[in-house]
Amino acid sequence: RVHGTLLALACMAAASPSIAAGATLRDLQIEAVRAFLSASDAGGDEAWKLLVYDSYCRDILSPLMHVGDLRKLMVTLHLELHSARQPVHDAVAVYFIRPT
């Protein structure tokens, strides 16, 4: 199941003009993750954001992104969906969860 999602991410990224012709599948997957994490910056305003994910999507992210990579994408806090967490006001939240 996770492999199908990774392939779908790669297909989305393959359409990106910033991808080099010799890009690997992993490169395409990383580019797709970067694209959806940067989508909240579309107005040109880069702001720190929260990333909330479920265990399924954690398994997708973990081989692709490390904490330092997330920081470069302005992700200040990353949390599991079903973990106990406090509300964070005035911050953009990006949810990466498996549709049910």
C-alpha atoms as a PDB file:
ATOM      1  CA  ARG A   1       0.000   0.000   0.000  1.00  0.00           C
ATOM      2  CA  VAL A   2       2.755   2.458   0.891  1.00  0.00           C
ATOM      3  CA  HIS A   3       4.571   1.662  -2.360  1.00  0.00           C
ATOM      4  CA  GLY A   4       1.499   2.645  -4.393  1.00  0.00           C
ATOM      5  CA  THR A   5       1.327   5.983  -2.598  1.00  0.00           C
ATOM      6  CA  LEU A   6       5.032   6.599  -3.166  1.00  0.00           C
ATOM      7  CA  LEU A   7       4.588   5.853  -6.849  1.00  0.00           C
ATOM      8  CA  ALA A   8       1.662   8.274  -7.018  1.00  0.00           C
ATOM      9  CA  LEU A   9       3.817  10.975  -5.389  1.00  0.00           C
ATOM     10  CA  ALA A  10       6.534  10.313  -7.942  1.00  0.00           C
ATOM     11  CA  CYS A  11       4.077  10.616 -10.824  1.00  0.00           C
ATOM     12  CA  MET A  12       2.893  13.974  -9.514  1.00  0.00           C
ATOM     13  CA  ALA A  13       6.472  15.226  -9.236  1.00  0.00           C
ATOM     14  CA  ALA A  14       7.429  13.964 -12.698  1.00  0.00           C
ATOM     15  CA  ALA A  15       5.244  16.683 -14.193  1.00  0.00           C
ATOM     16  CA  SER A  16       7.270  19.361 -12.374  1.00  0.00           C
ATOM     17  CA  PRO A  17       9.511  21.422 -14.680  1.00  0.00           C
ATOM     18  CA  SER A  18      12.226  21.550 -11.976  1.00  0.00           C
ATOM     19  CA  ILE A  19      12.941  17.799 -12.208  1.00  0.00           C
ATOM     20  CA  ALA A  20      16.057  16.775 -14.128  1.00  0.00           C
ATOM     21  CA  ALA A  21      15.768  14.141 -16.843  1.00  0.00           C
ATOM     22  CA  GLY A  22      17.909  11.615 -14.929  1.00  0.00           C
ATOM     23  CA  ALA A  23      15.943  11.889 -11.687  1.00  0.00           C
ATOM     24  CA  THR A  24      15.480   8.713  -9.699  1.00  0.00           C
ATOM     25  CA  LEU A  25      12.175   7.533  -8.275  1.00  0.00           C
ATOM     26  CA  ARG A  26      13.325   8.700  -4.836  1.00  0.00           C
ATOM     27  CA  ASP A  27      14.146  12.160  -6.255  1.00  0.00           C
ATOM     28  CA  LEU A  28      10.632  12.373  -7.672  1.00  0.00           C
ATOM     29  CA  GLN A  29       9.085  11.345  -4.369  1.00  0.00           C
ATOM     30  CA  ILE A  30      11.104  13.927  -2.441  1.00  0.00           C
ATOM     31  CA  GLU A  31      10.102  16.617  -4.928  1.00  0.00           C
ATOM     32  CA  ALA A  32       6.428  15.710  -4.510  1.00  0.00           C
ATOM     33  CA  VAL A  33       6.701  15.990  -0.720  1.00  0.00           C
ATOM     34  CA  ARG A  34       8.488  19.341  -1.046  1.00  0.00           C
ATOM     35  CA  ALA A  35       5.776  20.569  -3.404  1.00  0.00           C
ATOM     36  CA  PHE A  36       2.881  19.820  -1.075  1.00  0.00           C
ATOM     37  CA  LEU A  37       4.728  21.203   1.955  1.00  0.00           C
ATOM     38  CA  SER A  38       5.484  24.391   0.030  1.00  0.00           C
ATOM     39  CA  ALA A  39       1.928  24.797  -1.275  1.00  0.00           C
ATOM     40  CA  SER A  40       0.976  26.841   1.790  1.00  0.00           C
ATOM     41  CA  ASP A  41       3.680  29.355   0.786  1.00  0.00           C
ATOM     42  CA  ALA A  42       1.947  30.089  -2.536  1.00  0.00           C
ATOM     43  CA  GLY A  43       1.284  33.727  -1.632  1.00  0.00           C
ATOM     44  CA  GLY A  44       5.022  34.330  -1.382  1.00  0.00           C
ATOM     45  CA  ASP A  45       4.806  34.527   2.405  1.00  0.00           C
ATOM     46  CA  GLU A  46       7.031  31.852   3.864  1.00  0.00           C
ATOM     47  CA  ALA A  47       5.767  31.113   7.342  1.00  0.00           C
ATOM     48  CA  TRP A  48       6.579  28.402   9.825  1.00  0.00           C
ATOM     49  CA  LYS A  49       4.086  25.585   9.664  1.00  0.00           C
ATOM     50  CA  LEU A  50       3.043  22.432  11.479  1.00  0.00           C
ATOM     51  CA  LEU A  51       3.000  19.032   9.835  1.00  0.00           C
ATOM     52  CA  VAL A  52       0.408  16.579  11.129  1.00  0.00           C
ATOM     53  CA  TYR A  53       0.514  13.041   9.758  1.00  0.00           C
ATOM     54  CA  ASP A  54      -0.903   9.608  10.474  1.00  0.00           C
ATOM     55  CA  SER A  55       1.163   6.443  10.903  1.00  0.00           C
ATOM     56  CA  TYR A  56       0.626   5.453   7.262  1.00  0.00           C
ATOM     57  CA  CYS A  57       2.049   8.721   5.968  1.00  0.00           C
ATOM     58  CA  ARG A  58       4.827   8.682   8.574  1.00  0.00           C
ATOM     59  CA  ASP A  59       6.017   5.510   6.852  1.00  0.00           C
ATOM     60  CA  ILE A  60       6.063   7.425   3.574  1.00  0.00           C
ATOM     61  CA  LEU A  61       7.895  10.463   4.955  1.00  0.00           C
ATOM     62  CA  SER A  62      10.505   8.814   7.148  1.00  0.00           C
ATOM     63  CA  PRO A  63      12.728   7.383   4.383  1.00  0.00           C
ATOM     64  CA  LEU A  64      12.445  10.616   2.372  1.00  0.00           C
ATOM     65  CA  MET A  65      12.760  13.471   4.857  1.00  0.00           C
ATOM     66  CA  HIS A  66      14.779  14.068   8.005  1.00  0.00           C
ATOM     67  CA  VAL A  67      14.125  16.766  10.611  1.00  0.00           C
ATOM     68  CA  GLY A  68      16.668  19.092   8.993  1.00  0.00           C
ATOM     69  CA  ASP A  69      14.940  18.723   5.624  1.00  0.00           C
ATOM     70  CA  LEU A  70      11.608  19.614   7.214  1.00  0.00           C
ATOM     71  CA  ARG A  71      13.138  22.696   8.871  1.00  0.00           C
ATOM     72  CA  LYS A  72      14.402  23.898   5.482  1.00  0.00           C
ATOM     73  CA  LEU A  73      10.785  23.659   4.294  1.00  0.00           C
ATOM     74  CA  MET A  74       9.676  25.824   7.256  1.00  0.00           C
ATOM     75  CA  VAL A  75       8.138  22.933   9.223  1.00  0.00           C
ATOM     76  CA  THR A  76       8.687  23.852  12.842  1.00  0.00           C
ATOM     77  CA  LEU A  77       6.731  21.051  14.460  1.00  0.00           C
ATOM     78  CA  HIS A  78       5.729  17.607  13.201  1.00  0.00           C
ATOM     79  CA  LEU A  79       3.139  15.579  15.074  1.00  0.00           C
ATOM     80  CA  GLU A  80       1.228  12.351  14.692  1.00  0.00           C
ATOM     81  CA  LEU A  81      -2.480  12.807  14.131  1.00  0.00           C
ATOM     82  CA  HIS A  82      -3.588  10.615  17.012  1.00  0.00           C
ATOM     83  CA  SER A  83      -1.047  11.833  19.563  1.00  0.00           C
ATOM     84  CA  ALA A  84      -1.983  14.131  22.432  1.00  0.00           C
ATOM     85  CA  ARG A  85      -1.156  17.671  21.345  1.00  0.00           C
ATOM     86  CA  GLN A  86      -1.862  21.222  22.396  1.00  0.00           C
ATOM     87  CA  PRO A  87      -3.482  23.733  20.041  1.00  0.00           C
ATOM     88  CA  VAL A  88      -1.047  26.030  18.241  1.00  0.00           C
ATOM     89  CA  HIS A  89      -2.701  29.293  17.315  1.00  0.00           C
ATOM     90  CA  ASP A  90      -1.616  31.497  14.422  1.00  0.00           C
ATOM     91  CA  ALA A  91       0.228  28.734  12.600  1.00  0.00           C
ATOM     92  CA  VAL A  92      -0.473  27.034   9.311  1.00  0.00           C
ATOM     93  CA  ALA A  93      -1.062  23.302   9.633  1.00  0.00           C
ATOM     94  CA  VAL A  94      -0.411  20.904   6.777  1.00  0.00           C
ATOM     95  CA  TYR A  95      -2.095  17.523   7.147  1.00  0.00           C
ATOM     96  CA  PHE A  96      -0.613  14.501   5.409  1.00  0.00           C
ATOM     97  CA  ILE A  97      -3.042  11.702   6.128  1.00  0.00           C
ATOM     98  CA  ARG A  98      -4.348   8.650   4.353  1.00  0.00           C
ATOM     99  CA  PRO A  99      -7.867   9.165   2.998  1.00  0.00           C
ATOM    100  CA  THR A 100     -10.405   6.726   4.347  1.00  0.00           C
END
